[in-house]
Amino acid sequence: MWSHPLVSFLQNRAPFPLPVSSPYLPDTALNDVAGESYPQFNKQDEKYAGPPPPKINATEYHTFHDLPWGPTSVRIHSFLTGRESSGTKPIAGLTASILLEVAQIGYGRTPDEFKADAPGQAGRRERIAWEMNRSRRFIEALKGEGVRWDWKKEESRERDKREAANSDKKTKSRL
């Protein structure tokens, strides 16, 4: 992952030659990412309330899909590394999301050929606040540790910011 060019997270084009058909992959190279080896991704419960990992296409450098999660949908990205045939997993899920955001900040631009977020996607702060207000385990941990933060107010503030930004975009598109 650390040898992967950061700018390539802003592109759909691989920084290496892609195979024309699915390459030889060890049995578990993509299964782990696809969820077969992680049953918690297939069963949404208190143990894991987040989205399942992305579906991988071994011949496309960048893929994504939008999943409902929390207050909105979230876009789950996956980027091939060019080393999948030796067992290296694609860069996917939260790691891909963070590296995509770092690339946007570092290069001062958005991706060339795709949108980083799902339409209307809540930001990280709103999604975290949403979970903190609903997950029994988080609520119990916060009480047990004496954390006194108004997560309902935080969620409301972040939701209001997102809705105002979406309203501004709609107004500008009409002009």
C-alpha atoms as a PDB file:
ATOM      1  CA  MET A   1       0.000   0.000   0.000  1.00  0.00           C
ATOM      2  CA  TRP A   2       2.754   2.467   0.873  1.00  0.00           C
ATOM      3  CA  SER A   3       4.360   2.082  -2.566  1.00  0.00           C
ATOM      4  CA  HIS A   4       1.071   2.844  -4.344  1.00  0.00           C
ATOM      5  CA  PRO A   5       1.139   6.315  -5.990  1.00  0.00           C
ATOM      6  CA  LEU A   6      -1.159   8.628  -3.999  1.00  0.00           C
ATOM      7  CA  VAL A   7      -2.324  10.496  -7.117  1.00  0.00           C
ATOM      8  CA  SER A   8      -3.691   7.230  -8.550  1.00  0.00           C
ATOM      9  CA  PHE A   9      -6.527   7.382  -5.990  1.00  0.00           C
ATOM     10  CA  LEU A  10      -7.863  10.351  -7.977  1.00  0.00           C
ATOM     11  CA  GLN A  11      -8.024   8.384 -11.244  1.00  0.00           C
ATOM     12  CA  ASN A  12      -9.780   5.412 -12.782  1.00  0.00           C
ATOM     13  CA  ARG A  13      -6.591   4.501 -14.658  1.00  0.00           C
ATOM     14  CA  ALA A  14      -4.219   2.061 -13.026  1.00  0.00           C
ATOM     15  CA  PRO A  15      -0.595   3.086 -12.538  1.00  0.00           C
ATOM     16  CA  PHE A  16       0.323  -0.405 -13.830  1.00  0.00           C
ATOM     17  CA  PRO A  17      -0.831  -2.660 -16.712  1.00  0.00           C
ATOM     18  CA  LEU A  18      -4.170  -4.364 -16.036  1.00  0.00           C
ATOM     19  CA  PRO A  19      -4.888  -7.940 -17.127  1.00  0.00           C
ATOM     20  CA  VAL A  20      -7.457  -8.387 -19.906  1.00  0.00           C
ATOM     21  CA  SER A  21      -9.038 -11.237 -17.976  1.00  0.00           C
ATOM     22  CA  SER A  22      -9.103 -12.222 -14.352  1.00  0.00           C
ATOM     23  CA  PRO A  23      -5.528 -13.062 -13.276  1.00  0.00           C
ATOM     24  CA  TYR A  24      -4.567 -16.116 -11.276  1.00  0.00           C
ATOM     25  CA  LEU A  25      -5.401 -15.302  -7.685  1.00  0.00           C
ATOM     26  CA  PRO A  26      -4.734 -17.375  -4.592  1.00  0.00           C
ATOM     27  CA  ASP A  27      -7.980 -18.762  -3.200  1.00  0.00           C
ATOM     28  CA  THR A  28      -8.157 -16.175  -0.427  1.00  0.00           C
ATOM     29  CA  ALA A  29      -6.766 -13.086  -2.187  1.00  0.00           C
ATOM     30  CA  LEU A  30     -10.176 -11.581  -2.867  1.00  0.00           C
ATOM     31  CA  ASN A  31     -12.372 -13.696  -0.617  1.00  0.00           C
ATOM     32  CA  ASP A  32     -11.231 -11.908   2.514  1.00  0.00           C
ATOM     33  CA  VAL A  33     -12.143  -8.549   1.010  1.00  0.00           C
ATOM     34  CA  ALA A  34     -15.382  -9.878  -0.451  1.00  0.00           C
ATOM     35  CA  GLY A  35     -16.565 -10.987   2.962  1.00  0.00           C
ATOM     36  CA  GLU A  36     -16.490 -14.764   2.687  1.00  0.00           C
ATOM     37  CA  SER A  37     -13.829 -15.052   5.382  1.00  0.00           C
ATOM     38  CA  TYR A  38     -15.436 -12.387   7.557  1.00  0.00           C
ATOM     39  CA  PRO A  39     -18.961 -13.510   8.448  1.00  0.00           C
ATOM     40  CA  GLN A  40     -19.508 -10.359  10.540  1.00  0.00           C
ATOM     41  CA  PHE A  41     -19.721  -8.423   7.263  1.00  0.00           C
ATOM     42  CA  ASN A  42     -22.553 -10.641   6.076  1.00  0.00           C
ATOM     43  CA  LYS A  43     -24.586 -10.272   9.259  1.00  0.00           C
ATOM     44  CA  GLN A  44     -25.451  -6.733  10.294  1.00  0.00           C
ATOM     45  CA  ASP A  45     -25.695  -6.733  14.071  1.00  0.00           C
ATOM     46  CA  GLU A  46     -24.329  -5.023  17.178  1.00  0.00           C
ATOM     47  CA  LYS A  47     -20.922  -6.656  16.613  1.00  0.00           C
ATOM     48  CA  TYR A  48     -20.423  -4.808  13.312  1.00  0.00           C
ATOM     49  CA  ALA A  49     -22.843  -2.113  12.243  1.00  0.00           C
ATOM     50  CA  GLY A  50     -20.854  -0.848   9.250  1.00  0.00           C
ATOM     51  CA  PRO A  51     -21.168  -1.670   5.580  1.00  0.00           C
ATOM     52  CA  PRO A  52     -19.743  -4.846   4.067  1.00  0.00           C
ATOM     53  CA  PRO A  53     -16.496  -4.552   2.152  1.00  0.00           C
ATOM     54  CA  PRO A  54     -16.613  -3.720  -1.558  1.00  0.00           C
ATOM     55  CA  LYS A  55     -17.196  -6.222  -4.317  1.00  0.00           C
ATOM     56  CA  ILE A  56     -13.932  -6.650  -6.223  1.00  0.00           C
ATOM     57  CA  ASN A  57     -13.544  -6.920  -9.988  1.00  0.00           C
ATOM     58  CA  ALA A  58     -10.040  -8.218 -10.677  1.00  0.00           C
ATOM     59  CA  THR A  59      -9.820  -6.517 -14.090  1.00  0.00           C
ATOM     60  CA  GLU A  60     -10.910  -2.980 -13.136  1.00  0.00           C
ATOM     61  CA  TYR A  61      -8.457  -0.760 -11.269  1.00  0.00           C
ATOM     62  CA  HIS A  62     -11.088   1.264  -9.405  1.00  0.00           C
ATOM     63  CA  THR A  63     -14.562   0.103  -8.484  1.00  0.00           C
ATOM     64  CA  PHE A  64     -17.151   1.365  -6.022  1.00  0.00           C
ATOM     65  CA  HIS A  65     -20.677   0.748  -4.874  1.00  0.00           C
ATOM     66  CA  ASP A  66     -23.058   2.712  -2.685  1.00  0.00           C
ATOM     67  CA  LEU A  67     -24.610   1.104   0.377  1.00  0.00           C
ATOM     68  CA  PRO A  68     -27.141   2.393   2.882  1.00  0.00           C
ATOM     69  CA  TRP A  69     -25.366   3.019   6.161  1.00  0.00           C
ATOM     70  CA  GLY A  70     -26.470   5.244   8.989  1.00  0.00           C
ATOM     71  CA  PRO A  71     -28.325   8.364   7.951  1.00  0.00           C
ATOM     72  CA  THR A  72     -27.445   8.111   4.236  1.00  0.00           C
ATOM     73  CA  SER A  73     -25.683   5.909   1.723  1.00  0.00           C
ATOM     74  CA  VAL A  74     -21.901   5.639   1.775  1.00  0.00           C
ATOM     75  CA  ARG A  75     -19.631   4.995  -1.207  1.00  0.00           C
ATOM     76  CA  ILE A  76     -17.289   2.023  -0.746  1.00  0.00           C
ATOM     77  CA  HIS A  77     -14.190   2.175  -3.000  1.00  0.00           C
ATOM     78  CA  SER A  78     -11.684  -0.470  -4.045  1.00  0.00           C
ATOM     79  CA  PHE A  79      -8.375   0.008  -5.883  1.00  0.00           C
ATOM     80  CA  LEU A  80      -6.261  -2.835  -7.241  1.00  0.00           C
ATOM     81  CA  THR A  81      -2.581  -2.815  -6.284  1.00  0.00           C
ATOM     82  CA  GLY A  82      -1.209  -4.749  -9.261  1.00  0.00           C
ATOM     83  CA  ARG A  83       0.066  -7.370  -6.827  1.00  0.00           C
ATOM     84  CA  GLU A  84      -3.130  -9.383  -6.286  1.00  0.00           C
ATOM     85  CA  SER A  85      -1.678 -12.470  -8.023  1.00  0.00           C
ATOM     86  CA  SER A  86       0.879 -12.746  -5.214  1.00  0.00           C
ATOM     87  CA  GLY A  87      -1.840 -12.511  -2.554  1.00  0.00           C
ATOM     88  CA  THR A  88      -1.843  -8.766  -1.872  1.00  0.00           C
ATOM     89  CA  LYS A  89      -5.370  -7.598  -1.230  1.00  0.00           C
ATOM     90  CA  PRO A  90      -6.840  -4.592  -3.021  1.00  0.00           C
ATOM     91  CA  ILE A  91      -6.910  -1.308  -1.121  1.00  0.00           C
ATOM     92  CA  ALA A  92     -10.554  -1.165  -0.121  1.00  0.00           C
ATOM     93  CA  GLY A  93     -13.187   0.165   2.253  1.00  0.00           C
ATOM     94  CA  LEU A  94     -12.124   2.563   5.019  1.00  0.00           C
ATOM     95  CA  THR A  95      -8.448   2.436   3.980  1.00  0.00           C
ATOM     96  CA  ALA A  96      -9.347   3.378   0.391  1.00  0.00           C
ATOM     97  CA  SER A  97     -11.666   6.121   1.640  1.00  0.00           C
ATOM     98  CA  ILE A  98      -8.967   7.643   3.846  1.00  0.00           C
ATOM     99  CA  LEU A  99      -6.294   7.489   1.114  1.00  0.00           C
ATOM    100  CA  LEU A 100      -8.733   9.016  -1.386  1.00  0.00           C
ATOM    101  CA  GLU A 101      -9.403  11.868   1.043  1.00  0.00           C
ATOM    102  CA  VAL A 102      -5.662  12.343   1.696  1.00  0.00           C
ATOM    103  CA  ALA A 103      -5.047  12.495  -2.085  1.00  0.00           C
ATOM    104  CA  GLN A 104      -7.788  15.116  -2.480  1.00  0.00           C
ATOM    105  CA  ILE A 105      -6.271  17.254   0.276  1.00  0.00           C
ATOM    106  CA  GLY A 106      -2.671  16.713  -0.860  1.00  0.00           C
ATOM    107  CA  TYR A 107      -3.285  17.445  -4.532  1.00  0.00           C
ATOM    108  CA  GLY A 108      -5.967  20.062  -3.904  1.00  0.00           C
ATOM    109  CA  ARG A 109      -8.479  18.525  -6.296  1.00  0.00           C
ATOM    110  CA  THR A 110     -11.243  15.974  -6.597  1.00  0.00           C
ATOM    111  CA  PRO A 111     -11.070  12.737  -8.601  1.00  0.00           C
ATOM    112  CA  ASP A 112     -10.989  13.150 -12.387  1.00  0.00           C
ATOM    113  CA  GLU A 113     -13.543  10.566 -13.482  1.00  0.00           C
ATOM    114  CA  PHE A 114     -15.706   9.654 -10.486  1.00  0.00           C
ATOM    115  CA  LYS A 115     -17.401  11.181  -7.452  1.00  0.00           C
ATOM    116  CA  ALA A 116     -15.735  10.321  -4.149  1.00  0.00           C
ATOM    117  CA  ASP A 117     -19.022  10.270  -2.206  1.00  0.00           C
ATOM    118  CA  ALA A 118     -22.461   8.781  -2.768  1.00  0.00           C
ATOM    119  CA  PRO A 119     -25.166  11.354  -3.585  1.00  0.00           C
ATOM    120  CA  GLY A 120     -26.024  13.177  -0.336  1.00  0.00           C
ATOM    121  CA  GLN A 121     -23.499  11.129   1.658  1.00  0.00           C
ATOM    122  CA  ALA A 122     -23.114  12.184   5.276  1.00  0.00           C
ATOM    123  CA  GLY A 123     -19.625  13.190   6.366  1.00  0.00           C
ATOM    124  CA  ARG A 124     -17.548  11.158   8.789  1.00  0.00           C
ATOM    125  CA  ARG A 125     -18.497  13.307  11.806  1.00  0.00           C
ATOM    126  CA  GLU A 126     -22.223  12.860  11.139  1.00  0.00           C
ATOM    127  CA  ARG A 127     -21.864   9.110  10.592  1.00  0.00           C
ATOM    128  CA  ILE A 128     -19.837   8.765  13.804  1.00  0.00           C
ATOM    129  CA  ALA A 129     -22.392  10.808  15.760  1.00  0.00           C
ATOM    130  CA  TRP A 130     -25.221   8.732  14.239  1.00  0.00           C
ATOM    131  CA  GLU A 131     -23.537   5.521  15.489  1.00  0.00           C
ATOM    132  CA  MET A 132     -22.773   7.022  18.909  1.00  0.00           C
ATOM    133  CA  ASN A 133     -26.490   7.813  19.326  1.00  0.00           C
ATOM    134  CA  ARG A 134     -27.693   4.339  18.353  1.00  0.00           C
ATOM    135  CA  SER A 135     -25.143   1.661  19.179  1.00  0.00           C
ATOM    136  CA  ARG A 136     -25.841   0.148  22.586  1.00  0.00           C
ATOM    137  CA  ARG A 137     -22.147  -0.699  22.988  1.00  0.00           C
ATOM    138  CA  PHE A 138     -21.024   2.876  22.332  1.00  0.00           C
ATOM    139  CA  ILE A 139     -23.690   4.305  24.644  1.00  0.00           C
ATOM    140  CA  GLU A 140     -22.684   1.931  27.461  1.00  0.00           C
ATOM    141  CA  ALA A 141     -18.959   2.628  26.918  1.00  0.00           C
ATOM    142  CA  LEU A 142     -19.505   6.398  26.981  1.00  0.00           C
ATOM    143  CA  LYS A 143     -21.497   6.154  30.218  1.00  0.00           C
ATOM    144  CA  GLY A 144     -18.945   3.786  31.745  1.00  0.00           C
ATOM    145  CA  GLU A 145     -16.078   6.141  30.927  1.00  0.00           C
ATOM    146  CA  GLY A 146     -17.950   9.249  32.024  1.00  0.00           C
ATOM    147  CA  VAL A 147     -17.799  10.872  28.589  1.00  0.00           C
ATOM    148  CA  ARG A 148     -20.225  13.768  28.488  1.00  0.00           C
ATOM    149  CA  TRP A 149     -20.630  14.813  24.885  1.00  0.00           C
ATOM    150  CA  ASP A 150     -23.970  15.651  23.312  1.00  0.00           C
ATOM    151  CA  TRP A 151     -23.878  13.277  20.332  1.00  0.00           C
ATOM    152  CA  LYS A 152     -27.493  14.109  19.420  1.00  0.00           C
ATOM    153  CA  LYS A 153     -26.539  17.786  19.097  1.00  0.00           C
ATOM    154  CA  GLU A 154     -23.396  16.823  17.137  1.00  0.00           C
ATOM    155  CA  GLU A 155     -25.429  14.666  14.740  1.00  0.00           C
ATOM    156  CA  SER A 156     -28.023  17.422  14.284  1.00  0.00           C
ATOM    157  CA  ARG A 157     -25.340  20.064  13.643  1.00  0.00           C
ATOM    158  CA  GLU A 158     -23.583  17.881  11.042  1.00  0.00           C
ATOM    159  CA  ARG A 159     -26.890  16.922   9.362  1.00  0.00           C
ATOM    160  CA  ASP A 160     -27.873  20.609   9.141  1.00  0.00           C
ATOM    161  CA  LYS A 161     -24.507  21.444   7.523  1.00  0.00           C
ATOM    162  CA  ARG A 162     -24.934  18.612   4.965  1.00  0.00           C
ATOM    163  CA  GLU A 163     -28.513  19.609   4.147  1.00  0.00           C
ATOM    164  CA  ALA A 164     -27.526  23.286   3.754  1.00  0.00           C
ATOM    165  CA  ALA A 165     -24.682  22.301   1.404  1.00  0.00           C
ATOM    166  CA  ASN A 166     -27.034  20.100  -0.650  1.00  0.00           C
ATOM    167  CA  SER A 167     -29.582  22.948  -0.796  1.00  0.00           C
ATOM    168  CA  ASP A 168     -26.873  25.364  -2.002  1.00  0.00           C
ATOM    169  CA  LYS A 169     -25.860  22.898  -4.749  1.00  0.00           C
ATOM    170  CA  LYS A 170     -29.480  22.588  -5.929  1.00  0.00           C
ATOM    171  CA  THR A 171     -29.919  26.366  -5.964  1.00  0.00           C
ATOM    172  CA  LYS A 172     -26.701  26.857  -7.983  1.00  0.00           C
ATOM    173  CA  SER A 173     -27.688  24.160 -10.484  1.00  0.00           C
ATOM    174  CA  ARG A 174     -30.979  25.969 -11.191  1.00  0.00           C
ATOM    175  CA  LEU A 175     -29.164  29.232 -12.001  1.00  0.00           C
END
